[in-house]
Amino acid sequence: MIILGIDPALAITGYGVIQVKGPTRVLIEAGIIQTKPKESLPKRLASLYNGITKLITDAKADCLVLEKIYSHYKHPATACILGQARGVICLAASTCGVPLFEYGATRIKKAIIGKGLASKIQVQRMVAHTLAIKSMPKYLDVTDALALALGHSYIKNSKI
C-alpha cells in the first residue's frame, strides 16, 4: 500500500509518500509544494491543486491522509486560508479517486509515539528512525506529512 501524507498550507505544503509491506514502512518520496506569495489566491490554490494531483498520480497513492483542521481562535484568517488549501487537496483526492483519511494531531502522535501529547521533536525522531532518514528534512511540514502517513499505516493495521 502506498500512503500519501499531506501537511496542508497555502505557502508551503509538506508531503510524504511511504510504502507499507506488512510490518515494513519504506520512504518513497518527501518534499514540499510551495506557492508564490506574490501570486493571487486563485492562482496559488490552482498551483497547489495541480501539484497534489500530479503527486497522487506519480506516486500511485492508494490513499491520502490529512491532519484535521486546528486553528487558534485568535487567528481566524489563518483558519480560512488553511481551509481553502485543504479544500483543494480534498478536491484533488476526490478527482483522482483516492480515499481521504483525516486524523487529529494527538491521534497521530499516539499512533507513532504512544503518547498523544508527544513533542514535535519526539515525533520527528521516531519518523526519522522508522524510515531510516539520515538527516532531518529542512521543513517540519515534511516530517509532519510523513508522521501522518506512518500514523495512518499503524492505525489502519491495528484498528487502535
C-alpha atoms as a PDB file:
ATOM      1  CA  MET A   1       0.000   0.000   0.000  1.00  0.00           C
ATOM      2  CA  ILE A   2       1.254   3.479  -0.865  1.00  0.00           C
ATOM      3  CA  ILE A   3       0.202   6.222   1.535  1.00  0.00           C
ATOM      4  CA  LEU A   4       0.493   9.930   0.810  1.00  0.00           C
ATOM      5  CA  GLY A   5       0.584  12.155   3.890  1.00  0.00           C
ATOM      6  CA  ILE A   6      -0.069  15.871   3.420  1.00  0.00           C
ATOM      7  CA  ASP A   7       0.579  18.712   5.867  1.00  0.00           C
ATOM      8  CA  PRO A   8      -1.524  21.414   4.197  1.00  0.00           C
ATOM      9  CA  ALA A   9      -0.815  25.117   3.975  1.00  0.00           C
ATOM     10  CA  LEU A  10      -1.054  27.775   1.310  1.00  0.00           C
ATOM     11  CA  ALA A  11       2.613  28.825   1.321  1.00  0.00           C
ATOM     12  CA  ILE A  12       4.381  25.511   1.986  1.00  0.00           C
ATOM     13  CA  THR A  13       2.574  22.180   1.882  1.00  0.00           C
ATOM     14  CA  GLY A  14       4.626  19.266   3.108  1.00  0.00           C
ATOM     15  CA  TYR A  15       4.151  15.799   1.681  1.00  0.00           C
ATOM     16  CA  GLY A  16       5.477  12.342   2.372  1.00  0.00           C
ATOM     17  CA  VAL A  17       4.948   9.118   0.456  1.00  0.00           C
ATOM     18  CA  ILE A  18       5.570   5.777   2.127  1.00  0.00           C
ATOM     19  CA  GLN A  19       5.060   2.197   1.058  1.00  0.00           C
ATOM     20  CA  VAL A  20       3.777  -0.363   3.526  1.00  0.00           C
ATOM     21  CA  LYS A  21       4.553  -4.046   3.029  1.00  0.00           C
ATOM     22  CA  GLY A  22       3.492  -5.996   6.093  1.00  0.00           C
ATOM     23  CA  PRO A  23       5.448  -4.634   9.058  1.00  0.00           C
ATOM     24  CA  THR A  24       7.866  -2.677   6.834  1.00  0.00           C
ATOM     25  CA  ARG A  25       7.495   1.014   6.071  1.00  0.00           C
ATOM     26  CA  VAL A  26       9.699   2.479   3.349  1.00  0.00           C
ATOM     27  CA  LEU A  27      10.154   6.126   2.411  1.00  0.00           C
ATOM     28  CA  ILE A  28       9.387   6.629  -1.275  1.00  0.00           C
ATOM     29  CA  GLU A  29       9.485  10.420  -1.530  1.00  0.00           C
ATOM     30  CA  ALA A  30       9.086  13.522   0.600  1.00  0.00           C
ATOM     31  CA  GLY A  31       9.192  17.235  -0.034  1.00  0.00           C
ATOM     32  CA  ILE A  32       7.179  20.412  -0.329  1.00  0.00           C
ATOM     33  CA  ILE A  33       4.834  22.127  -2.718  1.00  0.00           C
ATOM     34  CA  GLN A  34       5.480  25.841  -2.448  1.00  0.00           C
ATOM     35  CA  THR A  35       3.339  28.637  -3.846  1.00  0.00           C
ATOM     36  CA  LYS A  36       4.472  32.164  -4.591  1.00  0.00           C
ATOM     37  CA  PRO A  37       3.208  34.767  -2.094  1.00  0.00           C
ATOM     38  CA  LYS A  38       3.012  37.478  -4.775  1.00  0.00           C
ATOM     39  CA  GLU A  39       0.552  35.483  -6.883  1.00  0.00           C
ATOM     40  CA  SER A  40      -3.209  35.815  -6.498  1.00  0.00           C
ATOM     41  CA  LEU A  41      -5.049  33.445  -4.163  1.00  0.00           C
ATOM     42  CA  PRO A  42      -6.835  31.625  -7.007  1.00  0.00           C
ATOM     43  CA  LYS A  43      -3.523  31.069  -8.807  1.00  0.00           C
ATOM     44  CA  ARG A  44      -1.867  29.769  -5.625  1.00  0.00           C
ATOM     45  CA  LEU A  45      -4.766  27.392  -4.969  1.00  0.00           C
ATOM     46  CA  ALA A  46      -4.583  26.164  -8.578  1.00  0.00           C
ATOM     47  CA  SER A  47      -0.830  25.541  -8.174  1.00  0.00           C
ATOM     48  CA  LEU A  48      -1.482  23.566  -5.003  1.00  0.00           C
ATOM     49  CA  TYR A  49      -4.263  21.565  -6.664  1.00  0.00           C
ATOM     50  CA  ASN A  50      -2.099  20.779  -9.704  1.00  0.00           C
ATOM     51  CA  GLY A  51       0.850  19.820  -7.514  1.00  0.00           C
ATOM     52  CA  ILE A  52      -1.255  17.466  -5.384  1.00  0.00           C
ATOM     53  CA  THR A  53      -2.950  15.795  -8.368  1.00  0.00           C
ATOM     54  CA  LYS A  54       0.440  15.247 -10.017  1.00  0.00           C
ATOM     55  CA  LEU A  55       1.817  13.837  -6.771  1.00  0.00           C
ATOM     56  CA  ILE A  56      -1.135  11.445  -6.339  1.00  0.00           C
ATOM     57  CA  THR A  57      -0.773  10.248  -9.931  1.00  0.00           C
ATOM     58  CA  ASP A  58       3.035   9.971  -9.976  1.00  0.00           C
ATOM     59  CA  ALA A  59       3.186   8.200  -6.597  1.00  0.00           C
ATOM     60  CA  LYS A  60       0.252   5.928  -7.493  1.00  0.00           C
ATOM     61  CA  ALA A  61      -1.081   6.645  -3.997  1.00  0.00           C
ATOM     62  CA  ASP A  62      -3.667   4.243  -2.594  1.00  0.00           C
ATOM     63  CA  CYS A  63      -4.875   6.846  -0.088  1.00  0.00           C
ATOM     64  CA  LEU A  64      -4.260  10.388   1.110  1.00  0.00           C
ATOM     65  CA  VAL A  65      -4.007  11.395   4.772  1.00  0.00           C
ATOM     66  CA  LEU A  66      -4.605  14.923   6.131  1.00  0.00           C
ATOM     67  CA  GLU A  67      -4.423  16.330   9.619  1.00  0.00           C
ATOM     68  CA  LYS A  68      -7.789  17.512  10.941  1.00  0.00           C
ATOM     69  CA  ILE A  69      -8.016  21.271  10.926  1.00  0.00           C
ATOM     70  CA  TYR A  70      -6.939  23.077  14.046  1.00  0.00           C
ATOM     71  CA  SER A  71      -6.732  26.818  14.331  1.00  0.00           C
ATOM     72  CA  HIS A  72      -6.422  29.158  17.264  1.00  0.00           C
ATOM     73  CA  TYR A  73      -9.404  31.455  17.755  1.00  0.00           C
ATOM     74  CA  LYS A  74      -7.085  34.486  17.708  1.00  0.00           C
ATOM     75  CA  HIS A  75      -6.158  33.759  14.071  1.00  0.00           C
ATOM     76  CA  PRO A  76      -9.401  33.349  12.086  1.00  0.00           C
ATOM     77  CA  ALA A  77      -7.841  34.488   8.790  1.00  0.00           C
ATOM     78  CA  THR A  78      -5.265  31.696   9.064  1.00  0.00           C
ATOM     79  CA  ALA A  79      -8.064  29.169   9.543  1.00  0.00           C
ATOM     80  CA  CYS A  80      -9.837  30.445   6.411  1.00  0.00           C
ATOM     81  CA  ILE A  81      -6.708  30.213   4.282  1.00  0.00           C
ATOM     82  CA  LEU A  82      -5.900  26.763   5.651  1.00  0.00           C
ATOM     83  CA  GLY A  83      -9.479  25.697   4.911  1.00  0.00           C
ATOM     84  CA  GLN A  84      -9.106  26.795   1.298  1.00  0.00           C
ATOM     85  CA  ALA A  85      -5.839  24.876   0.918  1.00  0.00           C
ATOM     86  CA  ARG A  86      -7.404  21.786   2.491  1.00  0.00           C
ATOM     87  CA  GLY A  87     -10.399  22.178   0.192  1.00  0.00           C
ATOM     88  CA  VAL A  88      -8.334  21.946  -2.982  1.00  0.00           C
ATOM     89  CA  ILE A  89      -6.407  18.988  -1.541  1.00  0.00           C
ATOM     90  CA  CYS A  90      -9.693  17.204  -0.780  1.00  0.00           C
ATOM     91  CA  LEU A  91     -10.889  18.033  -4.298  1.00  0.00           C
ATOM     92  CA  ALA A  92      -7.655  16.617  -5.772  1.00  0.00           C
ATOM     93  CA  ALA A  93      -8.112  13.372  -3.825  1.00  0.00           C
ATOM     94  CA  SER A  94     -11.713  13.070  -4.993  1.00  0.00           C
ATOM     95  CA  THR A  95     -10.872  13.911  -8.609  1.00  0.00           C
ATOM     96  CA  CYS A  96      -8.135  11.263  -8.598  1.00  0.00           C
ATOM     97  CA  GLY A  97     -10.421   8.723  -6.929  1.00  0.00           C
ATOM     98  CA  VAL A  98      -8.177   8.327  -3.890  1.00  0.00           C
ATOM     99  CA  PRO A  99      -9.724   7.701  -0.439  1.00  0.00           C
ATOM    100  CA  LEU A 100      -9.097  10.509   2.057  1.00  0.00           C
ATOM    101  CA  PHE A 101      -8.467   9.964   5.772  1.00  0.00           C
ATOM    102  CA  GLU A 102      -8.242  12.643   8.470  1.00  0.00           C
ATOM    103  CA  TYR A 103      -6.780  12.417  11.970  1.00  0.00           C
ATOM    104  CA  GLY A 104      -6.197  14.851  14.788  1.00  0.00           C
ATOM    105  CA  ALA A 105      -2.598  15.597  15.737  1.00  0.00           C
ATOM    106  CA  THR A 106      -2.930  13.824  19.090  1.00  0.00           C
ATOM    107  CA  ARG A 107      -4.238  10.674  17.374  1.00  0.00           C
ATOM    108  CA  ILE A 108      -1.218  10.579  15.052  1.00  0.00           C
ATOM    109  CA  LYS A 109       1.205  11.211  17.925  1.00  0.00           C
ATOM    110  CA  LYS A 110      -0.380   8.398  19.928  1.00  0.00           C
ATOM    111  CA  ALA A 111      -0.065   6.005  16.975  1.00  0.00           C
ATOM    112  CA  ILE A 112       3.615   6.858  16.420  1.00  0.00           C
ATOM    113  CA  ILE A 113       4.950   7.537  19.923  1.00  0.00           C
ATOM    114  CA  GLY A 114       2.310   6.045  22.187  1.00  0.00           C
ATOM    115  CA  LYS A 115       1.523   9.442  23.730  1.00  0.00           C
ATOM    116  CA  GLY A 116      -0.972  11.913  22.283  1.00  0.00           C
ATOM    117  CA  LEU A 117       0.930  14.813  23.816  1.00  0.00           C
ATOM    118  CA  ALA A 118       4.360  13.877  22.455  1.00  0.00           C
ATOM    119  CA  SER A 119       6.561  16.770  21.374  1.00  0.00           C
ATOM    120  CA  LYS A 120       7.334  17.605  17.748  1.00  0.00           C
ATOM    121  CA  ILE A 121      10.951  16.576  18.395  1.00  0.00           C
ATOM    122  CA  GLN A 122       9.863  13.128  19.624  1.00  0.00           C
ATOM    123  CA  VAL A 123       7.671  12.642  16.562  1.00  0.00           C
ATOM    124  CA  GLN A 124      10.440  13.870  14.264  1.00  0.00           C
ATOM    125  CA  ARG A 125      12.966  11.453  15.774  1.00  0.00           C
ATOM    126  CA  MET A 126      10.591   8.493  15.569  1.00  0.00           C
ATOM    127  CA  VAL A 127       9.736   9.272  11.936  1.00  0.00           C
ATOM    128  CA  ALA A 128      13.446   9.522  11.095  1.00  0.00           C
ATOM    129  CA  HIS A 129      14.220   6.284  12.939  1.00  0.00           C
ATOM    130  CA  THR A 130      11.314   4.323  11.422  1.00  0.00           C
ATOM    131  CA  LEU A 131      12.050   5.444   7.864  1.00  0.00           C
ATOM    132  CA  ALA A 132      15.863   5.352   8.239  1.00  0.00           C
ATOM    133  CA  ILE A 133      16.218   9.047   7.405  1.00  0.00           C
ATOM    134  CA  LYS A 134      19.822  10.100   7.992  1.00  0.00           C
ATOM    135  CA  SER A 135      19.295  13.861   8.218  1.00  0.00           C
ATOM    136  CA  MET A 136      16.186  15.737   9.268  1.00  0.00           C
ATOM    137  CA  PRO A 137      14.208  17.431   6.490  1.00  0.00           C
ATOM    138  CA  LYS A 138      14.671  21.194   6.235  1.00  0.00           C
ATOM    139  CA  TYR A 139      10.933  21.808   6.705  1.00  0.00           C
ATOM    140  CA  LEU A 140       8.901  20.499   9.651  1.00  0.00           C
ATOM    141  CA  ASP A 141       5.984  20.286   7.221  1.00  0.00           C
ATOM    142  CA  VAL A 142       7.714  17.296   5.591  1.00  0.00           C
ATOM    143  CA  THR A 143       8.170  15.472   8.900  1.00  0.00           C
ATOM    144  CA  ASP A 144       4.546  16.202   9.829  1.00  0.00           C
ATOM    145  CA  ALA A 145       3.362  14.785   6.494  1.00  0.00           C
ATOM    146  CA  LEU A 146       5.452  11.641   6.971  1.00  0.00           C
ATOM    147  CA  ALA A 147       4.067  11.297  10.507  1.00  0.00           C
ATOM    148  CA  LEU A 148       0.535  11.395   9.078  1.00  0.00           C
ATOM    149  CA  ALA A 149       1.356   8.637   6.576  1.00  0.00           C
ATOM    150  CA  LEU A 150       3.063   6.488   9.217  1.00  0.00           C
ATOM    151  CA  GLY A 151       0.332   7.077  11.777  1.00  0.00           C
ATOM    152  CA  HIS A 152      -2.326   6.049   9.278  1.00  0.00           C
ATOM    153  CA  SER A 153      -0.412   2.864   8.466  1.00  0.00           C
ATOM    154  CA  TYR A 154      -0.348   1.926  12.166  1.00  0.00           C
ATOM    155  CA  ILE A 155      -3.966   2.900  12.818  1.00  0.00           C
ATOM    156  CA  LYS A 156      -5.234   1.083   9.732  1.00  0.00           C
ATOM    157  CA  ASN A 157      -3.299  -2.089  10.592  1.00  0.00           C
ATOM    158  CA  SER A 158      -4.088  -2.184  14.305  1.00  0.00           C
ATOM    159  CA  LYS A 159      -7.522  -0.536  14.464  1.00  0.00           C
ATOM    160  CA  ILE A 160      -6.392   1.240  17.694  1.00  0.00           C
END
